[in-house]
N, C-alpha and C. Protein backbone atom coordinates (compact mmCIF):
# COMPACT_ATOMS: atom_id res chain seq x y z
N MET A 1 44.43 -173.82 69.60
CA MET A 1 44.13 -175.35 69.86
C MET A 1 44.07 -175.49 71.74
N LEU A 2 43.46 -176.25 71.69
CA LEU A 2 43.38 -176.64 73.03
C LEU A 2 44.02 -178.16 73.13
N PHE A 3 44.75 -178.01 74.72
CA PHE A 3 45.20 -179.51 74.64
C PHE A 3 44.81 -179.79 76.09
N LEU A 4 44.59 -181.22 76.27
CA LEU A 4 43.81 -181.77 77.61
C LEU A 4 44.76 -182.95 77.68
N GLU A 5 44.86 -183.22 79.10
CA GLU A 5 45.55 -184.55 79.30
C GLU A 5 44.37 -185.69 79.18
N ALA A 6 44.31 -186.70 79.24
CA ALA A 6 43.51 -187.73 78.90
C ALA A 6 42.49 -187.72 80.42
N SER A 7 43.03 -187.34 81.51
CA SER A 7 42.12 -187.41 82.73
C SER A 7 41.12 -186.23 82.40
N GLU A 8 41.50 -184.95 82.00
CA GLU A 8 40.59 -183.84 81.46
C GLU A 8 39.65 -184.21 80.48
N THR A 9 40.15 -185.32 79.42
CA THR A 9 39.38 -185.46 78.45
C THR A 9 38.13 -186.53 79.03
N LYS A 10 38.43 -187.34 79.82
CA LYS A 10 37.49 -188.00 80.47
C LYS A 10 36.47 -187.20 81.06
N ILE A 11 36.66 -186.33 81.91
CA ILE A 11 35.91 -185.62 82.75
C ILE A 11 34.77 -184.97 81.85
N ILE A 12 35.26 -184.25 80.67
CA ILE A 12 34.93 -183.81 79.87
C ILE A 12 33.54 -184.37 78.94
N GLU A 13 33.85 -185.77 78.77
CA GLU A 13 33.42 -186.43 78.17
C GLU A 13 32.15 -186.94 79.08
N GLN A 14 32.29 -187.03 80.30
CA GLN A 14 31.35 -187.45 81.28
C GLN A 14 30.27 -186.34 81.39
N GLU A 15 30.83 -184.88 81.43
CA GLU A 15 29.80 -183.79 81.59
C GLU A 15 29.28 -183.90 80.38
N HIS A 16 29.60 -184.00 79.18
CA HIS A 16 28.71 -184.07 77.71
C HIS A 16 27.76 -185.01 77.86
N ASP A 17 27.92 -186.26 78.49
CA ASP A 17 27.47 -187.38 78.69
C ASP A 17 26.13 -187.03 79.45
N PHE A 18 26.41 -186.54 80.47
CA PHE A 18 25.44 -186.36 81.71
C PHE A 18 24.44 -185.17 81.00
N LEU A 19 25.10 -183.92 80.31
CA LEU A 19 24.14 -183.07 79.54
C LEU A 19 23.20 -183.41 78.72
N SER A 20 23.84 -184.51 77.92
CA SER A 20 23.13 -184.99 76.82
C SER A 20 21.99 -185.96 77.57
N GLY A 21 22.13 -186.48 78.50
CA GLY A 21 21.36 -187.26 79.34
C GLY A 21 19.99 -186.46 79.54
N LEU A 22 20.35 -185.36 80.28
CA LEU A 22 19.27 -184.05 80.78
C LEU A 22 18.47 -183.61 79.80
N LEU A 23 19.06 -183.41 78.77
CA LEU A 23 18.55 -182.84 77.33
C LEU A 23 17.59 -183.75 77.00
N GLU A 24 18.04 -184.95 76.94
CA GLU A 24 17.12 -186.25 76.28
C GLU A 24 15.98 -186.22 77.30
N THR A 25 16.21 -186.36 78.36
CA THR A 25 15.01 -186.47 79.46
C THR A 25 13.99 -184.87 79.24
N GLN A 26 14.48 -184.24 79.01
CA GLN A 26 13.82 -182.83 78.76
C GLN A 26 12.77 -182.88 77.50
N LYS A 27 13.65 -183.21 76.44
CA LYS A 27 13.02 -183.74 75.02
C LYS A 27 12.05 -184.70 75.24
N GLN A 28 12.18 -185.71 76.07
CA GLN A 28 10.78 -186.74 76.10
C GLN A 28 9.98 -186.54 77.12
N ALA A 29 10.14 -185.47 78.03
CA ALA A 29 9.18 -185.05 78.89
C ALA A 29 8.36 -184.08 78.17
N GLN A 30 8.76 -183.32 77.01
CA GLN A 30 8.01 -182.31 76.23
C GLN A 30 7.22 -183.13 75.21
N LYS A 31 7.67 -183.98 74.66
CA LYS A 31 7.17 -184.66 73.71
C LYS A 31 6.17 -185.75 74.29
N ASN A 32 6.02 -186.31 75.51
CA ASN A 32 4.92 -186.92 76.17
C ASN A 32 3.87 -185.79 76.28
N LEU A 33 4.22 -184.65 77.03
CA LEU A 33 3.46 -183.71 77.39
C LEU A 33 2.61 -183.16 76.15
N ASP A 34 3.18 -182.76 74.87
CA ASP A 34 2.69 -182.82 73.59
C ASP A 34 1.65 -184.04 73.27
N ASP A 35 1.83 -185.03 73.21
CA ASP A 35 1.32 -186.17 72.98
C ASP A 35 -0.17 -186.12 73.45
N ILE A 36 0.14 -186.11 74.91
CA ILE A 36 -1.29 -186.18 75.77
C ILE A 36 -2.14 -184.86 75.33
N ASN A 37 -1.23 -183.60 75.20
CA ASN A 37 -2.41 -182.45 74.76
C ASN A 37 -2.93 -182.75 73.56
N PHE A 38 -2.19 -183.31 72.28
CA PHE A 38 -2.67 -183.39 71.18
C PHE A 38 -4.05 -184.53 71.46
N GLU A 39 -3.80 -185.55 72.16
CA GLU A 39 -4.83 -186.53 72.22
C GLU A 39 -5.89 -185.84 72.94
N ALA A 40 -6.02 -185.17 73.77
CA ALA A 40 -6.81 -184.28 74.63
C ALA A 40 -7.47 -183.54 73.63
N ILE A 41 -6.95 -182.92 72.72
CA ILE A 41 -7.29 -181.89 71.62
C ILE A 41 -8.35 -182.82 70.81
N THR A 42 -7.85 -183.72 70.11
CA THR A 42 -8.41 -184.66 69.11
C THR A 42 -9.71 -185.43 69.84
N GLN A 43 -9.72 -185.38 71.14
CA GLN A 43 -10.70 -186.36 71.66
C GLN A 43 -11.87 -185.13 72.33
N ALA A 44 -11.42 -184.09 72.36
CA ALA A 44 -12.55 -183.01 72.52
C ALA A 44 -13.88 -183.28 72.22
N GLY A 45 -14.89 -183.29 72.99
CA GLY A 45 -16.20 -183.49 72.62
C GLY A 45 -16.66 -185.08 72.54
N ARG A 46 -15.83 -185.71 72.37
CA ARG A 46 -15.92 -187.40 72.61
C ARG A 46 -15.72 -188.12 73.78
N VAL A 47 -14.79 -187.56 74.65
CA VAL A 47 -14.21 -187.87 76.00
C VAL A 47 -14.23 -186.57 76.88
N PRO A 48 -14.75 -186.88 78.40
CA PRO A 48 -14.77 -185.74 79.02
C PRO A 48 -13.31 -185.28 79.27
N ALA A 49 -13.19 -184.09 79.30
CA ALA A 49 -11.76 -183.29 79.62
C ALA A 49 -11.28 -183.96 80.82
N ARG A 50 -11.85 -184.00 81.68
CA ARG A 50 -11.36 -184.58 82.92
C ARG A 50 -10.39 -185.89 82.75
N LYS A 51 -10.66 -186.68 81.97
CA LYS A 51 -10.26 -187.68 81.69
C LYS A 51 -8.53 -187.47 81.28
N PHE A 52 -8.12 -186.45 81.12
CA PHE A 52 -6.94 -186.17 80.60
C PHE A 52 -6.26 -185.11 81.84
N GLU A 53 -6.83 -184.57 82.74
CA GLU A 53 -6.52 -183.89 83.76
C GLU A 53 -5.22 -184.39 84.72
N SER A 54 -5.51 -185.80 85.04
CA SER A 54 -4.33 -186.04 85.74
C SER A 54 -2.89 -186.56 84.78
N GLU A 55 -3.25 -186.84 83.57
CA GLU A 55 -2.16 -187.13 82.81
C GLU A 55 -1.17 -185.99 82.52
N ILE A 56 -2.12 -184.69 82.11
CA ILE A 56 -1.65 -183.80 81.64
C ILE A 56 -0.82 -182.85 83.17
N THR A 57 -1.36 -183.03 84.24
CA THR A 57 -0.99 -182.50 85.17
C THR A 57 0.69 -183.22 85.54
N LYS A 58 0.68 -184.80 85.60
CA LYS A 58 1.87 -185.24 85.66
C LYS A 58 2.93 -185.23 84.63
N ALA A 59 2.54 -185.02 83.43
CA ALA A 59 3.30 -184.66 82.25
C ALA A 59 4.07 -183.35 82.44
N TYR A 60 3.25 -182.08 82.92
CA TYR A 60 3.70 -180.85 83.38
C TYR A 60 4.92 -181.06 84.32
N GLU A 61 4.35 -181.95 85.18
CA GLU A 61 5.43 -181.83 86.39
C GLU A 61 6.41 -182.40 86.24
N ALA A 62 6.71 -183.64 85.13
CA ALA A 62 7.70 -184.53 84.49
C ALA A 62 8.78 -183.52 83.92
N LEU A 63 7.94 -182.62 83.09
CA LEU A 63 8.65 -181.49 82.02
C LEU A 63 9.58 -180.47 83.45
N ASN A 64 8.68 -180.01 84.10
CA ASN A 64 9.24 -179.07 85.15
C ASN A 64 10.41 -179.68 85.80
N LYS A 65 10.23 -180.79 86.35
CA LYS A 65 11.73 -181.50 86.89
C LYS A 65 12.75 -181.63 86.20
N ALA A 66 12.62 -181.96 84.80
CA ALA A 66 13.48 -181.98 83.83
C ALA A 66 14.12 -180.74 83.46
N ASN A 67 13.34 -179.84 83.53
CA ASN A 67 13.99 -178.28 83.34
C ASN A 67 14.75 -177.89 84.28
N GLN A 68 14.23 -178.06 85.74
CA GLN A 68 14.88 -177.59 86.76
C GLN A 68 16.27 -178.49 86.88
N ALA A 69 16.27 -179.91 86.82
CA ALA A 69 17.43 -180.54 86.85
C ALA A 69 18.53 -179.77 85.54
N LEU A 70 17.99 -179.78 84.17
CA LEU A 70 18.89 -179.10 83.72
C LEU A 70 19.42 -177.61 83.87
N ARG A 71 18.60 -176.92 84.51
CA ARG A 71 18.98 -175.42 84.94
C ARG A 71 19.93 -175.28 85.84
N LYS A 72 19.60 -176.19 87.09
CA LYS A 72 20.54 -176.43 87.83
C LYS A 72 22.14 -177.06 87.41
N GLU A 73 22.14 -177.95 86.70
CA GLU A 73 23.32 -177.98 86.17
C GLU A 73 23.84 -177.10 85.15
N LEU A 74 23.44 -176.56 84.42
CA LEU A 74 23.86 -175.22 83.59
C LEU A 74 24.31 -174.27 84.45
N MET A 75 23.75 -174.14 85.58
CA MET A 75 23.97 -172.97 86.49
C MET A 75 25.23 -173.28 87.49
N SER A 76 25.33 -174.57 87.76
CA SER A 76 26.58 -175.26 88.34
C SER A 76 28.05 -174.67 87.76
N LEU A 77 27.75 -174.96 85.93
CA LEU A 77 28.48 -175.02 85.22
C LEU A 77 29.21 -173.85 84.93
N THR A 78 28.39 -172.36 84.81
CA THR A 78 28.69 -171.26 84.58
C THR A 78 29.32 -170.66 86.27
N ALA A 79 28.60 -171.25 87.04
CA ALA A 79 29.26 -170.65 88.47
C ALA A 79 30.54 -171.13 88.84
N ASN A 80 30.92 -172.29 88.01
CA ASN A 80 32.17 -172.79 88.51
C ASN A 80 33.14 -173.11 87.23
N PRO A 81 33.52 -171.72 86.70
CA PRO A 81 34.41 -172.12 85.15
C PRO A 81 35.62 -172.64 85.76
N PRO A 82 36.15 -173.20 84.44
CA PRO A 82 37.35 -174.12 84.62
C PRO A 82 38.46 -173.27 85.18
N GLU A 83 39.43 -173.71 85.58
CA GLU A 83 40.70 -172.99 86.31
C GLU A 83 41.40 -172.31 85.20
N GLY A 84 41.59 -170.94 84.91
CA GLY A 84 42.06 -170.32 84.01
C GLY A 84 40.89 -169.35 83.46
N GLY A 85 39.68 -169.75 83.74
CA GLY A 85 38.43 -168.67 83.68
C GLY A 85 38.23 -169.09 82.21
N ILE A 86 37.16 -168.40 81.79
CA ILE A 86 36.51 -168.43 80.09
C ILE A 86 37.28 -167.60 79.46
N ALA A 87 38.00 -167.65 78.35
CA ALA A 87 38.47 -167.26 77.33
C ALA A 87 37.40 -166.34 76.27
């Protein structure tokens, strides 16, 4: 069993909320990209492909940014294990 002081619990909750936010941002960016790609595929032949190029590029950039932010945070957590180490 793990016992934490109130201040430690608050820090863990804040980290959880922050990581959850990063994951939600990543999830939404992926959904946006998927939606744009689906629309481009279903409109193929009826709408010029160039119509979607800018949107797809922006969606990829947003997803890449979300992935980088999440990766950076996860790397900082593994690079700085809590005092006492990881069991």
